[in-house]
């Protein structure tokens, strides 16, 4: 199968003598991430979300609290998800459980901060939206789903 490069919107925003920005056709599709303050760690069913290795659990571990009942945790690693925050992108890295049978991706917003490493900010829950703020970065507005009222952002 041939790989075809497509022009990104940035290519059209350059001057007459500007360059172009070519992106591969196999860019990842947007996916929903639920911001869950009750989650102890992020959860992903997708191996491609992880950067670096996924460390297997030394013994069988399962996670509960999801609508599917107890699900097997195959390991832990670090995920990297990119969100549109204002006119910029916000790259979020988090320790994460790899749970292949999970039906959704979850992130624990309070676990994204680490004062000892200088990663500071806040997650604010309001009536009509929530906001993820890292000091020095544009805010990520997380809207509530109109059906289930969960705070969900597209990555």
C-alpha atoms as a PDB file:
ATOM      1  CA  UNK A   1       0.000   0.000   0.000  1.00  0.00           C
ATOM      2  CA  UNK A   2       1.442   3.368  -1.000  1.00  0.00           C
ATOM      3  CA  UNK A   3       1.883   6.063   1.599  1.00  0.00           C
ATOM      4  CA  UNK A   4       0.446   9.365   0.413  1.00  0.00           C
ATOM      5  CA  UNK A   5       1.303  12.630   2.120  1.00  0.00           C
ATOM      6  CA  UNK A   6      -1.495  15.133   2.661  1.00  0.00           C
ATOM      7  CA  UNK A   7      -1.234  18.857   3.170  1.00  0.00           C
ATOM      8  CA  UNK A   8      -2.041  19.924   6.697  1.00  0.00           C
ATOM      9  CA  UNK A   9      -3.928  23.178   7.385  1.00  0.00           C
ATOM     10  CA  UNK A  10      -0.547  24.744   8.259  1.00  0.00           C
ATOM     11  CA  UNK A  11       0.456  24.473   4.612  1.00  0.00           C
ATOM     12  CA  UNK A  12      -2.303  26.875   3.605  1.00  0.00           C
ATOM     13  CA  UNK A  13      -1.400  29.433   6.287  1.00  0.00           C
ATOM     14  CA  UNK A  14       2.063  30.210   4.982  1.00  0.00           C
ATOM     15  CA  UNK A  15       2.923  33.225   2.834  1.00  0.00           C
ATOM     16  CA  UNK A  16       3.341  33.063  -0.914  1.00  0.00           C
ATOM     17  CA  UNK A  17       6.952  32.067  -0.450  1.00  0.00           C
ATOM     18  CA  UNK A  18       6.278  29.889   2.604  1.00  0.00           C
ATOM     19  CA  UNK A  19       6.914  26.206   2.945  1.00  0.00           C
ATOM     20  CA  UNK A  20       4.509  23.331   3.195  1.00  0.00           C
ATOM     21  CA  UNK A  21       3.834  20.881   5.990  1.00  0.00           C
ATOM     22  CA  UNK A  22       3.304  17.301   4.792  1.00  0.00           C
ATOM     23  CA  UNK A  23       1.666  14.808   7.107  1.00  0.00           C
ATOM     24  CA  UNK A  24       1.367  11.048   6.525  1.00  0.00           C
ATOM     25  CA  UNK A  25      -2.055   9.650   5.742  1.00  0.00           C
ATOM     26  CA  UNK A  26      -1.899   7.224   8.682  1.00  0.00           C
ATOM     27  CA  UNK A  27      -2.319   9.893  11.372  1.00  0.00           C
ATOM     28  CA  UNK A  28      -4.154   8.547  14.408  1.00  0.00           C
ATOM     29  CA  UNK A  29      -7.865   9.204  14.547  1.00  0.00           C
ATOM     30  CA  UNK A  30      -9.186  11.354  17.380  1.00  0.00           C
ATOM     31  CA  UNK A  31     -10.349   9.380  20.397  1.00  0.00           C
ATOM     32  CA  UNK A  32     -12.205  10.220  23.578  1.00  0.00           C
ATOM     33  CA  UNK A  33     -10.480  10.398  26.959  1.00  0.00           C
ATOM     34  CA  UNK A  34     -12.593  10.516  30.115  1.00  0.00           C
ATOM     35  CA  UNK A  35     -11.213  12.725  32.890  1.00  0.00           C
ATOM     36  CA  UNK A  36     -11.900  10.656  36.014  1.00  0.00           C
ATOM     37  CA  UNK A  37     -10.887  12.076  39.388  1.00  0.00           C
ATOM     38  CA  UNK A  38     -11.753   8.755  41.042  1.00  0.00           C
ATOM     39  CA  UNK A  39      -9.258   6.827  38.884  1.00  0.00           C
ATOM     40  CA  UNK A  40      -6.060   5.844  40.683  1.00  0.00           C
ATOM     41  CA  UNK A  41      -4.130   5.782  37.391  1.00  0.00           C
ATOM     42  CA  UNK A  42      -4.857   6.297  33.705  1.00  0.00           C
ATOM     43  CA  UNK A  43      -6.287   3.366  31.743  1.00  0.00           C
ATOM     44  CA  UNK A  44      -5.891   2.544  28.064  1.00  0.00           C
ATOM     45  CA  UNK A  45      -6.938  -0.476  26.014  1.00  0.00           C
ATOM     46  CA  UNK A  46      -4.641   0.547  23.156  1.00  0.00           C
ATOM     47  CA  UNK A  47      -1.004  -0.569  23.060  1.00  0.00           C
ATOM     48  CA  UNK A  48      -0.217   2.192  20.516  1.00  0.00           C
ATOM     49  CA  UNK A  49      -0.941   4.864  23.173  1.00  0.00           C
ATOM     50  CA  UNK A  50       2.142   3.820  25.147  1.00  0.00           C
ATOM     51  CA  UNK A  51       5.555   5.342  24.650  1.00  0.00           C
ATOM     52  CA  UNK A  52       8.264   2.960  25.725  1.00  0.00           C
ATOM     53  CA  UNK A  53       7.772  -0.448  27.294  1.00  0.00           C
ATOM     54  CA  UNK A  54       4.743  -1.815  29.098  1.00  0.00           C
ATOM     55  CA  UNK A  55       5.946  -3.575  32.229  1.00  0.00           C
ATOM     56  CA  UNK A  56       3.922  -6.724  32.959  1.00  0.00           C
ATOM     57  CA  UNK A  57       2.401  -7.067  36.417  1.00  0.00           C
ATOM     58  CA  UNK A  58       4.386  -9.533  38.574  1.00  0.00           C
ATOM     59  CA  UNK A  59       1.142 -11.211  39.640  1.00  0.00           C
ATOM     60  CA  UNK A  60      -2.343 -11.173  38.177  1.00  0.00           C
ATOM     61  CA  UNK A  61      -4.022  -7.843  38.878  1.00  0.00           C
ATOM     62  CA  UNK A  62      -7.538  -6.748  38.018  1.00  0.00           C
ATOM     63  CA  UNK A  63      -9.267  -3.417  38.091  1.00  0.00           C
ATOM     64  CA  UNK A  64     -12.848  -2.823  39.137  1.00  0.00           C
ATOM     65  CA  UNK A  65     -15.233   0.092  39.150  1.00  0.00           C
ATOM     66  CA  UNK A  66     -15.833  -0.073  35.414  1.00  0.00           C
ATOM     67  CA  UNK A  67     -19.174  -1.099  33.951  1.00  0.00           C
ATOM     68  CA  UNK A  68     -17.618  -4.309  32.584  1.00  0.00           C
ATOM     69  CA  UNK A  69     -16.781  -5.652  36.057  1.00  0.00           C
ATOM     70  CA  UNK A  70     -13.251  -6.810  36.899  1.00  0.00           C
ATOM     71  CA  UNK A  71     -10.772  -6.461  34.048  1.00  0.00           C
ATOM     72  CA  UNK A  72      -7.246  -7.844  33.787  1.00  0.00           C
ATOM     73  CA  UNK A  73      -4.396  -5.308  33.977  1.00  0.00           C
ATOM     74  CA  UNK A  74      -1.686  -6.578  31.638  1.00  0.00           C
ATOM     75  CA  UNK A  75       0.928  -4.042  32.724  1.00  0.00           C
ATOM     76  CA  UNK A  76       1.868  -0.426  33.295  1.00  0.00           C
ATOM     77  CA  UNK A  77       3.676   2.097  31.172  1.00  0.00           C
ATOM     78  CA  UNK A  78       3.512   5.708  30.083  1.00  0.00           C
ATOM     79  CA  UNK A  79       0.954   7.041  27.615  1.00  0.00           C
ATOM     80  CA  UNK A  80       1.219  10.224  25.613  1.00  0.00           C
ATOM     81  CA  UNK A  81      -1.991  11.912  24.506  1.00  0.00           C
ATOM     82  CA  UNK A  82      -2.223  15.204  22.613  1.00  0.00           C
ATOM     83  CA  UNK A  83      -5.145  17.587  23.072  1.00  0.00           C
ATOM     84  CA  UNK A  84      -6.111  20.872  21.400  1.00  0.00           C
ATOM     85  CA  UNK A  85      -5.839  23.602  24.075  1.00  0.00           C
ATOM     86  CA  UNK A  86      -6.806  26.988  22.703  1.00  0.00           C
ATOM     87  CA  UNK A  87      -4.688  27.554  19.604  1.00  0.00           C
ATOM     88  CA  UNK A  88      -1.960  25.212  20.802  1.00  0.00           C
ATOM     89  CA  UNK A  89      -1.551  21.546  21.534  1.00  0.00           C
ATOM     90  CA  UNK A  90      -1.131  20.126  25.006  1.00  0.00           C
ATOM     91  CA  UNK A  91       0.823  16.875  25.271  1.00  0.00           C
ATOM     92  CA  UNK A  92      -0.099  14.897  28.378  1.00  0.00           C
ATOM     93  CA  UNK A  93       2.094  12.065  29.620  1.00  0.00           C
ATOM     94  CA  UNK A  94       0.878   9.819  32.384  1.00  0.00           C
ATOM     95  CA  UNK A  95       1.613   6.487  33.998  1.00  0.00           C
ATOM     96  CA  UNK A  96      -1.087   4.170  32.780  1.00  0.00           C
ATOM     97  CA  UNK A  97      -2.514   0.692  33.173  1.00  0.00           C
ATOM     98  CA  UNK A  98      -2.718  -1.340  29.988  1.00  0.00           C
ATOM     99  CA  UNK A  99      -6.176  -2.944  30.118  1.00  0.00           C
ATOM    100  CA  UNK A 100      -6.951  -4.467  26.679  1.00  0.00           C
ATOM    101  CA  UNK A 101     -10.599  -5.218  27.532  1.00  0.00           C
ATOM    102  CA  UNK A 102     -11.410  -1.684  28.738  1.00  0.00           C
ATOM    103  CA  UNK A 103     -13.989   0.086  26.590  1.00  0.00           C
ATOM    104  CA  UNK A 104     -12.650   3.602  27.241  1.00  0.00           C
ATOM    105  CA  UNK A 105      -9.514   5.565  27.951  1.00  0.00           C
ATOM    106  CA  UNK A 106      -9.406   7.251  31.352  1.00  0.00           C
ATOM    107  CA  UNK A 107      -7.000   9.801  32.772  1.00  0.00           C
ATOM    108  CA  UNK A 108      -6.659  10.723  36.426  1.00  0.00           C
ATOM    109  CA  UNK A 109      -6.181  14.515  36.190  1.00  0.00           C
ATOM    110  CA  UNK A 110      -4.796  14.912  39.706  1.00  0.00           C
ATOM    111  CA  UNK A 111      -2.045  12.384  38.882  1.00  0.00           C
ATOM    112  CA  UNK A 112      -0.759  14.604  36.039  1.00  0.00           C
ATOM    113  CA  UNK A 113       0.784  17.091  38.482  1.00  0.00           C
ATOM    114  CA  UNK A 114       4.060  16.639  40.368  1.00  0.00           C
ATOM    115  CA  UNK A 115       5.335  19.604  42.398  1.00  0.00           C
ATOM    116  CA  UNK A 116       8.675  17.885  43.041  1.00  0.00           C
ATOM    117  CA  UNK A 117       9.322  17.891  39.270  1.00  0.00           C
ATOM    118  CA  UNK A 118       7.903  21.371  38.686  1.00  0.00           C
ATOM    119  CA  UNK A 119       4.721  20.160  36.991  1.00  0.00           C
ATOM    120  CA  UNK A 120       2.112  22.328  38.669  1.00  0.00           C
ATOM    121  CA  UNK A 121      -1.409  23.380  37.872  1.00  0.00           C
ATOM    122  CA  UNK A 122      -4.982  22.500  38.697  1.00  0.00           C
ATOM    123  CA  UNK A 123      -8.051  20.640  37.521  1.00  0.00           C
ATOM    124  CA  UNK A 124     -11.194  22.693  38.111  1.00  0.00           C
ATOM    125  CA  UNK A 125     -14.655  21.127  38.019  1.00  0.00           C
ATOM    126  CA  UNK A 126     -17.530  23.489  37.274  1.00  0.00           C
ATOM    127  CA  UNK A 127     -21.218  23.053  36.505  1.00  0.00           C
ATOM    128  CA  UNK A 128     -20.906  23.274  32.723  1.00  0.00           C
ATOM    129  CA  UNK A 129     -17.276  22.211  32.070  1.00  0.00           C
ATOM    130  CA  UNK A 130     -13.990  21.330  33.688  1.00  0.00           C
ATOM    131  CA  UNK A 131     -10.589  22.845  33.022  1.00  0.00           C
ATOM    132  CA  UNK A 132      -7.132  21.296  33.095  1.00  0.00           C
ATOM    133  CA  UNK A 133      -4.516  23.998  33.720  1.00  0.00           C
ATOM    134  CA  UNK A 134      -0.768  23.584  33.803  1.00  0.00           C
ATOM    135  CA  UNK A 135       1.172  26.648  34.898  1.00  0.00           C
ATOM    136  CA  UNK A 136       2.544  28.399  31.810  1.00  0.00           C
ATOM    137  CA  UNK A 137       0.336  26.518  29.301  1.00  0.00           C
ATOM    138  CA  UNK A 138      -2.992  27.183  27.615  1.00  0.00           C
ATOM    139  CA  UNK A 139      -5.971  25.704  29.453  1.00  0.00           C
ATOM    140  CA  UNK A 140      -7.641  22.545  28.201  1.00  0.00           C
ATOM    141  CA  UNK A 141     -11.410  22.960  28.430  1.00  0.00           C
ATOM    142  CA  UNK A 142     -13.066  19.592  29.022  1.00  0.00           C
ATOM    143  CA  UNK A 143     -16.756  19.603  28.121  1.00  0.00           C
ATOM    144  CA  UNK A 144     -19.305  17.258  29.613  1.00  0.00           C
ATOM    145  CA  UNK A 145     -20.840  14.659  27.331  1.00  0.00           C
ATOM    146  CA  UNK A 146     -24.471  15.546  26.634  1.00  0.00           C
ATOM    147  CA  UNK A 147     -25.669  11.961  27.263  1.00  0.00           C
ATOM    148  CA  UNK A 148     -23.620  10.684  30.184  1.00  0.00           C
ATOM    149  CA  UNK A 149     -22.395  14.010  31.671  1.00  0.00           C
ATOM    150  CA  UNK A 150     -18.824  12.706  31.977  1.00  0.00           C
ATOM    151  CA  UNK A 151     -15.940  15.129  31.313  1.00  0.00           C
ATOM    152  CA  UNK A 152     -14.558  13.961  27.963  1.00  0.00           C
ATOM    153  CA  UNK A 153     -11.918  15.526  25.705  1.00  0.00           C
ATOM    154  CA  UNK A 154     -10.804  14.382  22.276  1.00  0.00           C
ATOM    155  CA  UNK A 155      -7.136  13.475  21.969  1.00  0.00           C
END
